[in-house]
Protein backbone atom coordinates (compact mmCIF):
# COMPACT_ATOMS: atom_id res chain seq x y z
CA MET A 1 51.65 -140.78 142.95
CA ASN A 2 53.13 -140.72 139.48
CA LYS A 3 50.69 -140.24 136.66
CA THR A 4 50.71 -142.94 134.07
CA PRO A 5 51.73 -141.37 130.75
CA ASP A 6 49.17 -141.24 128.01
CA VAL A 7 49.65 -143.85 125.36
CA VAL A 8 49.96 -142.23 121.92
CA LYS A 9 48.42 -144.47 119.33
CA ALA A 10 49.81 -144.46 115.80
CA ALA A 11 47.47 -142.95 113.27
CA PRO A 12 46.04 -145.58 110.94
CA LEU A 13 47.59 -145.74 107.50
CA SER A 14 45.69 -144.06 104.68
CA GLU A 15 46.39 -144.14 100.99
CA GLN A 16 47.70 -140.60 101.06
CA THR A 17 49.98 -141.43 104.08
CA VAL A 18 51.38 -144.43 102.15
CA ILE A 19 52.07 -142.20 99.16
CA THR A 20 53.56 -139.38 101.11
CA ASP A 21 55.69 -141.30 103.59
CA PHE A 22 56.89 -144.23 101.57
CA PHE A 23 56.61 -143.62 97.87
CA GLU A 24 57.02 -139.89 97.24
CA PRO A 25 60.66 -140.04 98.41
CA LEU A 26 61.30 -142.65 95.69
CA THR A 27 60.58 -140.03 93.05
CA GLN A 28 63.78 -138.21 94.07
CA GLY A 29 62.22 -135.03 92.75
CA ASP A 30 61.86 -136.42 89.19
CA LYS A 31 59.62 -133.93 87.34
CA SER A 32 57.94 -136.70 85.49
CA ALA A 33 56.24 -137.83 88.67
CA LEU A 34 54.51 -134.48 89.17
CA GLY A 35 54.93 -134.98 92.89
CA LEU A 36 52.67 -138.02 92.71
CA LEU A 37 49.80 -135.50 92.94
CA ASP A 38 48.28 -135.90 89.45
CA ASP A 39 46.31 -138.60 87.57
CA ALA A 40 49.23 -139.52 85.39
CA ALA A 41 52.93 -138.99 84.92
CA LEU A 42 54.63 -137.16 82.04
CA ILE A 43 57.76 -138.61 80.42
CA ASP A 44 59.99 -136.49 78.31
CA ILE A 45 61.80 -138.53 75.64
CA PRO A 46 65.07 -137.04 74.41
CA ASP A 47 65.52 -136.37 70.72
CA ASN A 48 66.59 -139.35 68.65
CA HIS A 49 65.65 -141.83 71.37
CA GLU A 50 62.92 -144.41 71.74
CA LEU A 51 61.12 -145.57 74.90
CA VAL A 52 61.36 -149.26 75.81
CA VAL A 53 58.55 -150.50 78.14
CA THR A 54 58.42 -153.74 80.15
CA LYS A 55 56.13 -155.07 82.87
CA ASP A 56 56.32 -157.91 85.41
CA ILE A 57 53.95 -159.00 88.12
CA LEU A 58 55.08 -160.84 91.22
CA VAL A 59 52.56 -162.69 93.42
CA ALA A 60 53.15 -164.07 96.91
CA GLY A 61 53.28 -167.84 96.89
CA THR A 62 54.24 -167.91 93.21
CA HIS A 63 57.28 -165.56 92.71
CA PHE A 64 58.28 -165.09 96.33
CA PHE A 65 57.34 -166.22 99.79
CA ALA A 66 54.98 -163.99 101.74
CA ASP A 67 57.40 -164.03 104.67
CA ASP A 68 60.45 -163.09 102.66
CA PRO A 69 62.11 -159.90 103.99
CA PRO A 70 60.10 -156.99 102.48
CA ALA A 71 63.28 -155.20 101.43
CA ASP A 72 64.24 -158.27 99.37
CA ILE A 73 60.74 -158.35 97.82
CA GLY A 74 61.09 -154.71 96.86
CA HIS A 75 64.54 -155.32 95.42
CA LYS A 76 63.33 -158.28 93.34
CA ALA A 77 60.22 -156.60 92.05
CA LEU A 78 62.33 -153.85 90.53
CA ALA A 79 65.33 -155.96 89.57
CA VAL A 80 63.35 -158.36 87.34
CA ASN A 81 62.12 -155.34 85.32
CA LEU A 82 65.56 -153.78 85.08
CA SER A 83 66.88 -157.12 83.77
CA ASP A 84 64.35 -157.00 80.90
CA LEU A 85 65.47 -153.48 80.05
CA ALA A 86 69.12 -154.51 80.21
CA ALA A 87 68.49 -157.38 77.78
CA LYS A 88 67.04 -154.84 75.31
CA GLY A 89 70.00 -152.47 75.66
CA ALA A 90 67.78 -149.89 77.32
CA ALA A 91 69.03 -147.56 80.03
CA PRO A 92 66.48 -147.41 82.89
CA ARG A 93 64.59 -144.11 83.12
CA CYS A 94 61.66 -144.58 85.55
CA TYR A 95 58.95 -146.94 86.68
CA LEU A 96 55.31 -147.25 87.82
CA LEU A 97 54.42 -149.33 90.82
CA ALA A 98 51.09 -151.12 91.43
CA LEU A 99 50.52 -152.83 94.79
CA ALA A 100 47.76 -155.08 95.90
CA LEU A 101 48.56 -155.33 99.59
CA ASP A 102 47.16 -157.90 101.94
CA LYS A 103 46.06 -156.87 105.46
CA THR A 104 49.34 -157.96 107.05
CA CYS A 105 51.41 -155.27 105.22
CA GLY A 106 51.64 -152.57 107.83
CA GLU A 107 53.88 -149.52 108.22
CA ALA A 108 57.06 -151.48 109.09
CA TRP A 109 56.54 -153.76 106.07
CA LEU A 110 55.98 -150.81 103.70
CA ARG A 111 59.03 -148.93 105.03
CA ALA A 112 61.28 -151.94 104.51
CA PHE A 113 59.76 -152.67 101.03
CA ALA A 114 60.32 -149.08 99.97
CA SER A 115 63.90 -149.21 101.22
CA GLY A 116 64.59 -152.25 98.98
CA LEU A 117 63.20 -150.37 95.94
CA GLY A 118 65.10 -147.19 96.84
CA ALA A 119 68.48 -148.88 97.27
CA LEU A 120 68.33 -150.59 93.90
CA GLN A 121 66.92 -147.56 92.03
CA ARG A 122 69.74 -145.34 93.39
CA VAL A 123 72.34 -147.80 92.07
CA HIS A 124 70.85 -147.84 88.59
CA GLY A 125 69.54 -144.28 88.19
CA CYS A 126 65.84 -144.83 87.83
CA ARG A 127 62.98 -143.30 89.81
CA LEU A 128 59.35 -144.00 90.71
CA ILE A 129 56.95 -141.70 88.81
CA GLY A 130 53.56 -143.07 89.74
CA GLY A 131 51.32 -146.09 90.34
CA ASP A 132 48.40 -147.34 92.42
CA THR A 133 47.86 -149.09 95.76
CA VAL A 134 44.94 -151.14 96.97
CA VAL A 135 44.28 -153.46 99.97
CA THR A 136 42.77 -156.86 99.36
CA GLY A 137 42.18 -160.18 101.12
CA GLY A 138 45.37 -161.39 99.48
CA PRO A 139 47.63 -162.66 98.18
CA LEU A 140 50.11 -159.80 98.06
CA ALA A 141 50.81 -158.82 94.43
CA ILE A 142 53.30 -156.33 93.02
CA SER A 143 53.41 -155.08 89.49
CA ILE A 144 56.06 -152.76 88.07
CA THR A 145 56.10 -151.19 84.62
CA ALA A 146 59.58 -149.98 83.82
CA PHE A 147 60.64 -147.49 81.12
CA GLY A 148 64.04 -147.36 79.45
CA LEU A 149 65.68 -145.30 76.71
CA VAL A 150 67.70 -146.41 73.71
CA PRO A 151 69.12 -144.36 70.86
CA ARG A 152 66.66 -144.72 67.99
CA GLY A 153 67.00 -148.06 66.19
CA THR A 154 69.31 -149.71 68.74
CA MET A 155 66.96 -151.83 70.78
CA VAL A 156 68.16 -155.44 70.83
CA LYS A 157 65.29 -157.79 70.11
CA ARG A 158 64.94 -161.52 70.48
CA GLY A 159 64.88 -161.93 66.73
CA GLY A 160 68.03 -161.21 64.75
CA ALA A 161 70.51 -163.99 65.54
CA GLN A 162 72.22 -165.41 62.46
CA PRO A 163 73.88 -168.77 61.76
CA GLY A 164 77.44 -168.72 63.06
CA ASP A 165 76.85 -166.12 65.76
CA PRO A 166 78.49 -167.00 69.03
CA ILE A 167 76.21 -167.30 72.08
CA TYR A 168 77.07 -165.77 75.44
CA VAL A 169 75.57 -165.74 78.91
CA THR A 170 76.30 -163.48 81.85
CA GLY A 171 77.03 -164.51 85.42
CA THR A 172 76.15 -168.05 86.50
CA VAL A 173 72.96 -170.00 86.00
CA GLY A 174 70.97 -172.29 88.28
CA ASP A 175 71.87 -170.61 91.56
CA ALA A 176 68.38 -169.14 92.10
CA ALA A 177 66.71 -172.51 91.33
CA LEU A 178 68.81 -174.04 94.07
CA GLY A 179 68.16 -171.13 96.36
CA LEU A 180 64.43 -171.74 95.92
CA LYS A 181 64.85 -175.40 96.82
CA ILE A 182 66.72 -174.42 99.97
CA ARG A 183 64.23 -171.73 100.82
CA SER A 184 61.37 -174.32 100.34
CA GLN A 185 63.47 -177.03 102.07
CA ILE A 186 62.35 -179.40 99.25
CA PRO A 187 64.26 -181.63 98.84
CA ASP A 188 66.31 -181.97 102.00
CA TYR A 189 69.31 -179.97 100.93
CA SER A 190 71.55 -181.30 103.72
CA LYS A 191 72.76 -184.01 101.35
CA TRP A 192 74.45 -181.36 99.28
CA GLU A 193 76.87 -180.79 102.25
CA LEU A 194 77.02 -177.06 101.69
CA GLU A 195 78.76 -174.64 104.08
CA ASP A 196 76.59 -171.91 105.58
CA SER A 197 78.20 -169.34 103.28
CA ALA A 198 77.18 -171.35 100.20
CA VAL A 199 73.67 -171.71 101.45
CA GLN A 200 73.39 -167.98 102.05
CA TYR A 201 74.85 -167.31 98.58
CA LEU A 202 72.31 -169.50 96.80
CA VAL A 203 69.37 -168.12 98.72
CA SER A 204 70.50 -164.54 98.07
CA ARG A 205 70.62 -165.30 94.38
CA TYR A 206 66.95 -166.26 94.60
CA LEU A 207 65.97 -163.32 96.76
CA ARG A 208 68.05 -160.57 95.20
CA PRO A 209 68.81 -161.00 91.44
CA GLN A 210 71.37 -158.54 90.02
CA PRO A 211 70.37 -156.90 86.76
CA ARG A 212 73.34 -156.74 84.39
CA LEU A 213 73.04 -153.13 83.33
CA ALA A 214 76.69 -152.68 82.73
CA LEU A 215 76.34 -154.86 79.63
CA ILE A 216 73.98 -152.36 77.96
CA PRO A 217 76.48 -150.52 75.75
CA TYR A 218 78.03 -153.73 74.54
CA LEU A 219 74.70 -155.27 73.66
CA ARG A 220 73.83 -152.20 71.62
CA GLN A 221 77.15 -152.36 69.78
CA TYR A 222 77.60 -156.10 69.29
CA ALA A 223 74.51 -158.16 69.92
CA THR A 224 72.26 -159.57 67.22
CA ALA A 225 69.60 -160.99 69.65
CA SER A 226 69.12 -160.99 73.42
CA ILE A 227 66.79 -162.32 76.16
CA ASP A 228 66.87 -162.17 79.89
CA ILE A 229 66.80 -165.58 81.56
CA SER A 230 63.71 -165.59 83.73
CA ASP A 231 62.29 -169.02 82.95
CA GLY A 232 65.51 -171.01 82.60
CA LEU A 233 68.56 -171.12 80.32
CA LEU A 234 67.22 -173.90 78.05
CA GLY A 235 63.71 -172.63 77.57
CA ASP A 236 64.74 -169.02 77.06
CA PHE A 237 67.38 -170.10 74.56
CA GLN A 238 64.77 -171.93 72.62
CA LYS A 239 62.51 -168.82 72.65
CA LEU A 240 65.37 -166.69 71.27
CA CYS A 241 66.04 -169.22 68.53
CA SER A 242 62.37 -169.56 67.63
CA VAL A 243 61.88 -165.77 67.26
CA SER A 244 65.15 -165.49 65.26
CA GLY A 245 64.14 -168.42 63.01
CA VAL A 246 67.36 -170.33 63.72
CA GLY A 247 68.69 -173.39 65.48
CA GLY A 248 71.54 -173.46 67.85
CA THR A 249 73.61 -175.42 70.38
CA ILE A 250 74.76 -174.58 73.90
CA GLU A 251 77.60 -176.83 74.96
CA GLU A 252 76.98 -178.45 78.32
CA SER A 253 80.60 -178.14 79.37
CA ARG A 254 80.63 -174.37 78.83
CA ILE A 255 77.57 -173.51 80.93
CA PRO A 256 78.81 -171.27 83.78
CA PHE A 257 77.90 -172.65 87.24
CA SER A 258 78.97 -171.19 90.54
CA GLU A 259 81.14 -173.13 92.96
CA PRO A 260 78.16 -173.88 95.27
CA ALA A 261 76.07 -175.04 92.26
CA ARG A 262 78.90 -177.30 91.05
CA LYS A 263 79.17 -178.82 94.51
CA CYS A 264 75.46 -179.57 94.51
CA LEU A 265 75.78 -181.08 91.02
CA ASP A 266 78.64 -183.26 92.19
CA ARG A 267 76.54 -184.62 95.04
CA ASP A 268 73.40 -184.96 92.98
CA PRO A 269 73.98 -185.11 89.16
CA GLY A 270 70.19 -185.18 88.63
CA LEU A 271 70.12 -181.49 89.52
CA PHE A 272 71.45 -180.55 86.07
CA ASP A 273 67.98 -180.33 84.67
CA THR A 274 66.99 -178.03 87.53
CA LEU A 275 69.98 -175.74 86.98
CA VAL A 276 69.25 -175.14 83.26
CA SER A 277 65.44 -175.03 83.45
CA GLY A 278 64.53 -173.81 86.96
CA GLY A 279 64.33 -170.08 86.15
CA ASP A 280 64.77 -166.99 88.27
CA ASP A 281 68.35 -166.43 87.03
CA TYR A 282 67.79 -162.98 85.55
CA GLU A 283 71.05 -163.24 83.63
CA ILE A 284 71.23 -162.27 80.00
CA LEU A 285 71.58 -164.72 77.12
CA PHE A 286 72.56 -163.20 73.78
CA ALA A 287 74.15 -163.71 70.40
CA VAL A 288 76.92 -161.53 69.01
CA ASN A 289 77.84 -160.74 65.39
CA ALA A 290 80.29 -163.40 64.41
CA ASP A 291 82.62 -160.91 62.80
CA ALA A 292 82.89 -158.93 66.05
CA ARG A 293 83.59 -161.78 68.45
CA ASP A 294 87.15 -160.91 69.29
CA ALA A 295 86.43 -157.17 69.80
CA PHE A 296 83.40 -157.97 72.00
CA GLU A 297 85.31 -160.38 74.24
CA LYS A 298 88.09 -157.80 74.64
CA ASP A 299 85.55 -155.05 75.56
CA VAL A 300 83.67 -157.04 78.18
CA ALA A 301 86.73 -158.52 79.86
CA GLY A 302 86.77 -155.67 82.45
CA LEU A 303 83.16 -156.10 83.63
CA ASP A 304 82.60 -157.02 87.32
CA PHE A 305 80.70 -160.15 86.34
CA PRO A 306 81.66 -163.00 83.98
CA VAL A 307 80.48 -163.26 80.39
CA ALA A 308 80.86 -166.77 79.10
CA PHE A 309 80.87 -168.12 75.52
CA VAL A 310 78.52 -171.12 75.55
CA GLY A 311 77.73 -172.11 71.95
CA LEU A 312 76.80 -171.16 68.40
CA ILE A 313 73.70 -170.25 66.47
CA ALA A 314 72.89 -172.73 63.61
CA LYS A 315 70.76 -172.41 60.51
CA GLU A 316 66.97 -172.74 60.60
CA GLY A 317 65.74 -176.28 60.78
CA GLU A 318 68.67 -177.54 62.95
CA ASP A 319 68.19 -178.59 66.54
CA CYS A 320 68.02 -175.98 69.35
CA GLY A 321 69.19 -177.22 72.71
CA ILE A 322 72.06 -178.26 75.00
CA ALA A 323 74.60 -180.72 73.65
CA GLY A 324 76.30 -183.28 75.90
CA ALA A 325 79.96 -184.36 75.69
CA ASP A 326 79.07 -186.72 72.78
CA GLY A 327 77.80 -183.70 70.73
CA HIS A 328 74.22 -184.85 70.68
CA ILE A 329 71.34 -182.69 71.87
CA ARG A 330 70.15 -183.81 75.35
CA ALA A 331 66.55 -184.67 75.98
CA PHE A 332 64.74 -182.98 78.90
CA ASP A 333 61.43 -183.75 80.48
CA HIS A 334 61.12 -180.07 81.45
CA VAL A 335 62.67 -177.21 79.59
CA SER A 336 61.57 -174.13 81.51
CA TYR A 337 59.28 -172.63 84.12
CA ASP A 338 55.74 -172.20 82.76
CA HIS A 339 52.95 -170.42 84.68
CA PHE A 340 50.39 -172.56 82.82
CA GLY A 341 52.35 -175.78 83.03
């Protein structure tokens, strides 16, 4: 009679196991992390450089769906921070990770989540150097603090745009807002008559934003003001103008939309407001020194993502918004995503 083999039960996860198995590999041997064995990390700042620091928190049910693929959640958590650094002209150096896990996040979830972080950090040359992990009754929450470096005095702030400066935006806007609607199935997106590939593209733009780090050297050289578009093109443009103390106009006809977004807009023109105010784009909106416009456009022509001229900065006191074909600033009921709205 054959003996039934013993069942080997997996050891329960402990905080040290989580650190050793899933997060220590993300340090990639960075000396700043001190092997994730100390109470803090130690960052060496090169001579004549400054440290740029940004922080974002993502909460299940607000910034992502709890059942989104964990690798996508990891990617997004890091990507939104790298987008902030890119908008400031800061090259990513390292990051801290704080996790408030719910009780459904087991070994498989953590492994996939760490893989999403690892894949993106390898592309952009940054490493995990520390953090903290707790288990709660939910919801799942992820907070990353990212550190970047700029040559001293070169960080691109929101303030600094001047009347006459041309305004540019990277990539396309509105895709993620549509992807969120599809992911939520609100409204019924079948009326948009999208092919499966278009649906997948829009959802991927929501799940996996792409930080535009290749723009960093050109922002440092040419930009007078910059902001990453997290809350929507219109609202973030108004924030940039407010901090700079200027007005400005984005021309509706110049706003870059993807082919799937344009198809949706053709089927439902009322989606325009969603495209420019929905948020989650993580593109970069910025102004360039007016005297350097030609040189800038020549330099960025070879990037692997589009950079579109969309309007002009105006003097203080003038309107700030999106102008329709008649040249008048359009009115919107909703200008951006607002956590308190």
